[in-house]
Amino acid sequence: MKTLHKTLALIALASSSAAFAAVDFDSFDTDGDGVISQTEAQANPQLAQIFDELDADGNGELSKEEFAAVQ
């Protein structure tokens, strides 16, 4: 069930053209530190919603590899 929820959330995130016009890592990494923090993810409600599921190592940040699961 968790996989289904994640899949549906990823589809919603990718299909949200208005909120996700530029789907690239750098557009969310606003401070340029190489990761997307939970604070940075709040700029997009869909990303914020699935942040914990994408954060595979549970460190509270999304790496480029973790974020790539969205694309």
PDB file of N, CA and C in Angstrom:
ATOM      1  N   MET A   1       0.827  -1.193   0.000  1.00  0.00           N
ATOM      2  CA  MET A   1       0.000   0.000   0.000  1.00  0.00           C
ATOM      3  C   MET A   1       0.869   1.254   0.000  1.00  0.00           C
ATOM      4  N   LYS A   2       2.005   1.212   0.728  1.00  0.00           N
ATOM      5  CA  LYS A   2       2.896   2.368   0.760  1.00  0.00           C
ATOM      6  C   LYS A   2       3.430   2.672  -0.641  1.00  0.00           C
ATOM      7  N   THR A   3       3.757   1.614  -1.394  1.00  0.00           N
ATOM      8  CA  THR A   3       4.264   1.804  -2.750  1.00  0.00           C
ATOM      9  C   THR A   3       3.203   2.436  -3.637  1.00  0.00           C
ATOM     10  N   LEU A   4       1.956   2.017  -3.479  1.00  0.00           N
ATOM     11  CA  LEU A   4       0.866   2.595  -4.254  1.00  0.00           C
ATOM     12  C   LEU A   4       0.702   4.073  -3.921  1.00  0.00           C
ATOM     13  N   HIS A   5       0.738   4.407  -2.642  1.00  0.00           N
ATOM     14  CA  HIS A   5       0.618   5.805  -2.214  1.00  0.00           C
ATOM     15  C   HIS A   5       1.751   6.637  -2.799  1.00  0.00           C
ATOM     16  N   LYS A   6       2.963   6.120  -2.749  1.00  0.00           N
ATOM     17  CA  LYS A   6       4.113   6.835  -3.286  1.00  0.00           C
ATOM     18  C   LYS A   6       3.975   7.026  -4.791  1.00  0.00           C
ATOM     19  N   THR A   7       3.541   5.988  -5.478  1.00  0.00           N
ATOM     20  CA  THR A   7       3.371   6.070  -6.921  1.00  0.00           C
ATOM     21  C   THR A   7       2.331   7.118  -7.293  1.00  0.00           C
ATOM     22  N   LEU A   8       1.207   7.109  -6.616  1.00  0.00           N
ATOM     23  CA  LEU A   8       0.163   8.097  -6.892  1.00  0.00           C
ATOM     24  C   LEU A   8       0.647   9.507  -6.590  1.00  0.00           C
ATOM     25  N   ALA A   9       1.390   9.675  -5.512  1.00  0.00           N
ATOM     26  CA  ALA A   9       1.919  10.991  -5.170  1.00  0.00           C
ATOM     27  C   ALA A   9       2.924  11.463  -6.213  1.00  0.00           C
ATOM     28  N   LEU A  10       3.744  10.568  -6.710  1.00  0.00           N
ATOM     29  CA  LEU A  10       4.714  10.928  -7.737  1.00  0.00           C
ATOM     30  C   LEU A  10       4.020  11.315  -9.041  1.00  0.00           C
ATOM     31  N   ILE A  11       2.965  10.608  -9.370  1.00  0.00           N
ATOM     32  CA  ILE A  11       2.208  10.956 -10.576  1.00  0.00           C
ATOM     33  C   ILE A  11       1.590  12.339 -10.416  1.00  0.00           C
ATOM     34  N   ALA A  12       1.011  12.606  -9.254  1.00  0.00           N
ATOM     35  CA  ALA A  12       0.408  13.920  -9.004  1.00  0.00           C
ATOM     36  C   ALA A  12       1.459  15.013  -9.069  1.00  0.00           C
ATOM     37  N   LEU A  13       2.620  14.745  -8.503  1.00  0.00           N
ATOM     38  CA  LEU A  13       3.703  15.722  -8.503  1.00  0.00           C
ATOM     39  C   LEU A  13       4.166  16.013  -9.928  1.00  0.00           C
ATOM     40  N   ALA A  14       4.374  14.988 -10.702  1.00  0.00           N
ATOM     41  CA  ALA A  14       4.875  15.172 -12.066  1.00  0.00           C
ATOM     42  C   ALA A  14       3.837  15.805 -12.982  1.00  0.00           C
ATOM     43  N   SER A  15       2.561  15.580 -12.699  1.00  0.00           N
ATOM     44  CA  SER A  15       1.524  16.109 -13.587  1.00  0.00           C
ATOM     45  C   SER A  15       1.047  17.501 -13.207  1.00  0.00           C
ATOM     46  N   SER A  16       1.525  18.029 -12.130  1.00  0.00           N
ATOM     47  CA  SER A  16       1.101  19.355 -11.689  1.00  0.00           C
ATOM     48  C   SER A  16       1.902  20.413 -12.436  1.00  0.00           C
ATOM     49  N   SER A  17       1.454  20.758 -13.627  1.00  0.00           N
ATOM     50  CA  SER A  17       2.227  21.645 -14.486  1.00  0.00           C
ATOM     51  C   SER A  17       2.336  23.061 -13.936  1.00  0.00           C
ATOM     52  N   ALA A  18       1.313  23.557 -13.301  1.00  0.00           N
ATOM     53  CA  ALA A  18       1.355  24.926 -12.778  1.00  0.00           C
ATOM     54  C   ALA A  18       2.361  25.054 -11.644  1.00  0.00           C
ATOM     55  N   ALA A  19       2.350  24.111 -10.739  1.00  0.00           N
ATOM     56  CA  ALA A  19       3.242  24.181  -9.586  1.00  0.00           C
ATOM     57  C   ALA A  19       4.601  23.567  -9.875  1.00  0.00           C
ATOM     58  N   PHE A  20       4.724  22.888 -10.990  1.00  0.00           N
ATOM     59  CA  PHE A  20       5.942  22.137 -11.267  1.00  0.00           C
ATOM     60  C   PHE A  20       6.444  22.436 -12.666  1.00  0.00           C
ATOM     61  N   ALA A  21       6.418  23.707 -13.040  1.00  0.00           N
ATOM     62  CA  ALA A  21       6.816  24.099 -14.388  1.00  0.00           C
ATOM     63  C   ALA A  21       8.265  23.727 -14.677  1.00  0.00           C
ATOM     64  N   ALA A  22       9.136  23.899 -13.705  1.00  0.00           N
ATOM     65  CA  ALA A  22      10.551  23.562 -13.879  1.00  0.00           C
ATOM     66  C   ALA A  22      10.903  22.450 -12.898  1.00  0.00           C
ATOM     67  N   VAL A  23      10.792  21.209 -13.363  1.00  0.00           N
ATOM     68  CA  VAL A  23      11.044  20.068 -12.492  1.00  0.00           C
ATOM     69  C   VAL A  23      12.520  19.722 -12.560  1.00  0.00           C
ATOM     70  N   ASP A  24      13.309  20.486 -11.841  1.00  0.00           N
ATOM     71  CA  ASP A  24      14.708  20.125 -11.728  1.00  0.00           C
ATOM     72  C   ASP A  24      15.192  20.402 -10.314  1.00  0.00           C
ATOM     73  N   PHE A  25      16.179  19.644  -9.942  1.00  0.00           N
ATOM     74  CA  PHE A  25      16.709  19.682  -8.583  1.00  0.00           C
ATOM     75  C   PHE A  25      17.099  21.095  -8.164  1.00  0.00           C
ATOM     76  N   ASP A  26      17.800  21.792  -9.042  1.00  0.00           N
ATOM     77  CA  ASP A  26      18.323  23.118  -8.699  1.00  0.00           C
ATOM     78  C   ASP A  26      17.232  24.147  -8.416  1.00  0.00           C
ATOM     79  N   SER A  27      16.053  23.964  -9.002  1.00  0.00           N
ATOM     80  CA  SER A  27      14.973  24.921  -8.745  1.00  0.00           C
ATOM     81  C   SER A  27      14.467  24.811  -7.314  1.00  0.00           C
ATOM     82  N   PHE A  28      14.663  23.667  -6.667  1.00  0.00           N
ATOM     83  CA  PHE A  28      14.259  23.494  -5.272  1.00  0.00           C
ATOM     84  C   PHE A  28      15.408  23.729  -4.302  1.00  0.00           C
ATOM     85  N   ASP A  29      16.631  23.484  -4.731  1.00  0.00           N
ATOM     86  CA  ASP A  29      17.810  23.702  -3.875  1.00  0.00           C
ATOM     87  C   ASP A  29      18.170  25.186  -3.907  1.00  0.00           C
ATOM     88  N   THR A  30      17.344  25.984  -3.262  1.00  0.00           N
ATOM     89  CA  THR A  30      17.471  27.437  -3.371  1.00  0.00           C
ATOM     90  C   THR A  30      18.723  27.996  -2.710  1.00  0.00           C
ATOM     91  N   ASP A  31      19.269  27.296  -1.717  1.00  0.00           N
ATOM     92  CA  ASP A  31      20.487  27.805  -1.088  1.00  0.00           C
ATOM     93  C   ASP A  31      21.764  27.228  -1.707  1.00  0.00           C
ATOM     94  N   GLY A  32      21.597  26.337  -2.686  1.00  0.00           N
ATOM     95  CA  GLY A  32      22.739  25.816  -3.432  1.00  0.00           C
ATOM     96  C   GLY A  32      23.671  24.908  -2.661  1.00  0.00           C
ATOM     97  N   ASP A  33      23.161  24.270  -1.601  1.00  0.00           N
ATOM     98  CA  ASP A  33      24.041  23.418  -0.802  1.00  0.00           C
ATOM     99  C   ASP A  33      24.091  21.965  -1.273  1.00  0.00           C
ATOM    100  N   GLY A  34      23.415  21.664  -2.385  1.00  0.00           N
ATOM    101  CA  GLY A  34      23.491  20.318  -2.945  1.00  0.00           C
ATOM    102  C   GLY A  34      22.433  19.359  -2.444  1.00  0.00           C
ATOM    103  N   VAL A  35      21.534  19.812  -1.576  1.00  0.00           N
ATOM    104  CA  VAL A  35      20.427  18.999  -1.082  1.00  0.00           C
ATOM    105  C   VAL A  35      19.173  19.863  -0.994  1.00  0.00           C
ATOM    106  N   ILE A  36      18.018  19.201  -0.982  1.00  0.00           N
ATOM    107  CA  ILE A  36      16.752  19.903  -0.777  1.00  0.00           C
ATOM    108  C   ILE A  36      16.318  19.637   0.657  1.00  0.00           C
ATOM    109  N   SER A  37      16.242  20.687   1.433  1.00  0.00           N
ATOM    110  CA  SER A  37      15.807  20.551   2.827  1.00  0.00           C
ATOM    111  C   SER A  37      14.291  20.490   2.885  1.00  0.00           C
ATOM    112  N   GLN A  38      13.763  20.129   4.047  1.00  0.00           N
ATOM    113  CA  GLN A  38      12.310  20.126   4.208  1.00  0.00           C
ATOM    114  C   GLN A  38      11.755  21.538   4.039  1.00  0.00           C
ATOM    115  N   THR A  39      12.481  22.529   4.482  1.00  0.00           N
ATOM    116  CA  THR A  39      12.053  23.919   4.321  1.00  0.00           C
ATOM    117  C   THR A  39      11.966  24.286   2.853  1.00  0.00           C
ATOM    118  N   GLU A  40      12.976  23.917   2.075  1.00  0.00           N
ATOM    119  CA  GLU A  40      12.966  24.205   0.641  1.00  0.00           C
ATOM    120  C   GLU A  40      11.832  23.460  -0.061  1.00  0.00           C
ATOM    121  N   ALA A  41      11.554  22.241   0.370  1.00  0.00           N
ATOM    122  CA  ALA A  41      10.500  21.433  -0.247  1.00  0.00           C
ATOM    123  C   ALA A  41       9.120  22.039  -0.021  1.00  0.00           C
ATOM    124  N   GLN A  42       8.967  22.836   1.024  1.00  0.00           N
ATOM    125  CA  GLN A  42       7.665  23.441   1.322  1.00  0.00           C
ATOM    126  C   GLN A  42       7.192  24.374   0.217  1.00  0.00           C
ATOM    127  N   ALA A  43       8.077  24.782  -0.678  1.00  0.00           N
ATOM    128  CA  ALA A  43       7.697  25.646  -1.795  1.00  0.00           C
ATOM    129  C   ALA A  43       6.752  24.926  -2.759  1.00  0.00           C
ATOM    130  N   ASN A  44       6.720  23.602  -2.712  1.00  0.00           N
ATOM    131  CA  ASN A  44       5.834  22.822  -3.566  1.00  0.00           C
ATOM    132  C   ASN A  44       5.044  21.844  -2.695  1.00  0.00           C
ATOM    133  N   PRO A  45       3.740  22.043  -2.566  1.00  0.00           N
ATOM    134  CA  PRO A  45       2.939  21.191  -1.679  1.00  0.00           C
ATOM    135  C   PRO A  45       3.032  19.694  -1.988  1.00  0.00           C
ATOM    136  N   GLN A  46       3.117  19.343  -3.275  1.00  0.00           N
ATOM    137  CA  GLN A  46       3.208  17.926  -3.627  1.00  0.00           C
ATOM    138  C   GLN A  46       4.548  17.340  -3.173  1.00  0.00           C
ATOM    139  N   LEU A  47       5.627  18.085  -3.378  1.00  0.00           N
ATOM    140  CA  LEU A  47       6.933  17.602  -2.935  1.00  0.00           C
ATOM    141  C   LEU A  47       6.976  17.503  -1.421  1.00  0.00           C
ATOM    142  N   ALA A  48       6.419  18.476  -0.738  1.00  0.00           N
ATOM    143  CA  ALA A  48       6.387  18.449   0.728  1.00  0.00           C
ATOM    144  C   ALA A  48       5.622  17.229   1.230  1.00  0.00           C
ATOM    145  N   GLN A  49       4.556  16.875   0.525  1.00  0.00           N
ATOM    146  CA  GLN A  49       3.720  15.751   0.937  1.00  0.00           C
ATOM    147  C   GLN A  49       4.463  14.419   0.866  1.00  0.00           C
ATOM    148  N   ILE A  50       5.319  14.237  -0.126  1.00  0.00           N
ATOM    149  CA  ILE A  50       6.017  12.953  -0.286  1.00  0.00           C
ATOM    150  C   ILE A  50       7.481  13.021   0.143  1.00  0.00           C
ATOM    151  N   PHE A  51       7.873  14.122   0.759  1.00  0.00           N
ATOM    152  CA  PHE A  51       9.267  14.322   1.138  1.00  0.00           C
ATOM    153  C   PHE A  51       9.820  13.134   1.938  1.00  0.00           C
ATOM    154  N   ASP A  52       9.089  12.722   2.974  1.00  0.00           N
ATOM    155  CA  ASP A  52       9.584  11.640   3.835  1.00  0.00           C
ATOM    156  C   ASP A  52       9.735  10.325   3.078  1.00  0.00           C
ATOM    157  N   GLU A  53       8.871  10.092   2.097  1.00  0.00           N
ATOM    158  CA  GLU A  53       8.973   8.863   1.313  1.00  0.00           C
ATOM    159  C   GLU A  53      10.170   8.904   0.372  1.00  0.00           C
ATOM    160  N   LEU A  54      10.482  10.085  -0.156  1.00  0.00           N
ATOM    161  CA  LEU A  54      11.639  10.210  -1.053  1.00  0.00           C
ATOM    162  C   LEU A  54      12.958  10.194  -0.290  1.00  0.00           C
ATOM    163  N   ASP A  55      12.930  10.620   0.960  1.00  0.00           N
ATOM    164  CA  ASP A  55      14.137  10.691   1.789  1.00  0.00           C
ATOM    165  C   ASP A  55      14.529   9.284   2.240  1.00  0.00           C
ATOM    166  N   ALA A  56      15.118   8.538   1.321  1.00  0.00           N
ATOM    167  CA  ALA A  56      15.419   7.119   1.533  1.00  0.00           C
ATOM    168  C   ALA A  56      16.328   6.861   2.729  1.00  0.00           C
ATOM    169  N   ASP A  57      17.297   7.738   2.973  1.00  0.00           N
ATOM    170  CA  ASP A  57      18.210   7.511   4.092  1.00  0.00           C
ATOM    171  C   ASP A  57      17.741   8.169   5.393  1.00  0.00           C
ATOM    172  N   GLY A  58      16.623   8.878   5.334  1.00  0.00           N
ATOM    173  CA  GLY A  58      16.029   9.453   6.542  1.00  0.00           C
ATOM    174  C   GLY A  58      16.828  10.555   7.204  1.00  0.00           C
ATOM    175  N   ASN A  59      17.656  11.260   6.423  1.00  0.00           N
ATOM    176  CA  ASN A  59      18.485  12.301   7.027  1.00  0.00           C
ATOM    177  C   ASN A  59      17.843  13.692   7.012  1.00  0.00           C
ATOM    178  N   GLY A  60      16.600  13.777   6.523  1.00  0.00           N
ATOM    179  CA  GLY A  60      15.904  15.062   6.517  1.00  0.00           C
ATOM    180  C   GLY A  60      16.237  15.954   5.333  1.00  0.00           C
ATOM    181  N   GLU A  61      16.940  15.396   4.363  1.00  0.00           N
ATOM    182  CA  GLU A  61      17.310  16.130   3.159  1.00  0.00           C
ATOM    183  C   GLU A  61      17.166  15.208   1.956  1.00  0.00           C
ATOM    184  N   LEU A  62      16.882  15.803   0.796  1.00  0.00           N
ATOM    185  CA  LEU A  62      16.825  15.016  -0.431  1.00  0.00           C
ATOM    186  C   LEU A  62      18.080  15.261  -1.249  1.00  0.00           C
ATOM    187  N   SER A  63      18.777  14.193  -1.550  1.00  0.00           N
ATOM    188  CA  SER A  63      19.929  14.284  -2.439  1.00  0.00           C
ATOM    189  C   SER A  63      19.423  14.298  -3.879  1.00  0.00           C
ATOM    190  N   LYS A  64      20.318  14.544  -4.817  1.00  0.00           N
ATOM    191  CA  LYS A  64      19.929  14.499  -6.236  1.00  0.00           C
ATOM    192  C   LYS A  64      19.417  13.109  -6.606  1.00  0.00           C
ATOM    193  N   GLU A  65      20.036  12.091  -6.050  1.00  0.00           N
ATOM    194  CA  GLU A  65      19.623  10.719  -6.339  1.00  0.00           C
ATOM    195  C   GLU A  65      18.226  10.437  -5.808  1.00  0.00           C
ATOM    196  N   GLU A  66      17.949  10.882  -4.583  1.00  0.00           N
ATOM    197  CA  GLU A  66      16.623  10.672  -4.010  1.00  0.00           C
ATOM    198  C   GLU A  66      15.563  11.452  -4.788  1.00  0.00           C
ATOM    199  N   PHE A  67      15.883  12.680  -5.159  1.00  0.00           N
ATOM    200  CA  PHE A  67      14.945  13.507  -5.912  1.00  0.00           C
ATOM    201  C   PHE A  67      14.683  12.923  -7.297  1.00  0.00           C
ATOM    202  N   ALA A  68      15.652  12.227  -7.860  1.00  0.00           N
ATOM    203  CA  ALA A  68      15.515  11.650  -9.197  1.00  0.00           C
ATOM    204  C   ALA A  68      14.357  10.667  -9.280  1.00  0.00           C
ATOM    205  N   ALA A  69      13.906  10.132  -8.147  1.00  0.00           N
ATOM    206  CA  ALA A  69      12.767   9.212  -8.148  1.00  0.00           C
ATOM    207  C   ALA A  69      11.507   9.894  -8.645  1.00  0.00           C
ATOM    208  N   VAL A  70      11.450  11.206  -8.592  1.00  0.00           N
ATOM    209  CA  VAL A  70      10.289  11.971  -9.043  1.00  0.00           C
ATOM    210  C   VAL A  70      10.265  12.049 -10.553  1.00  0.00           C
ATOM    211  N   GLN A  71      11.402  12.087 -11.174  1.00  0.00           N
ATOM    212  CA  GLN A  71      11.477  12.355 -12.615  1.00  0.00           C
ATOM    213  C   GLN A  71      11.363  11.133 -13.455  1.00  0.00           C
TER     214      GLN A  71
END
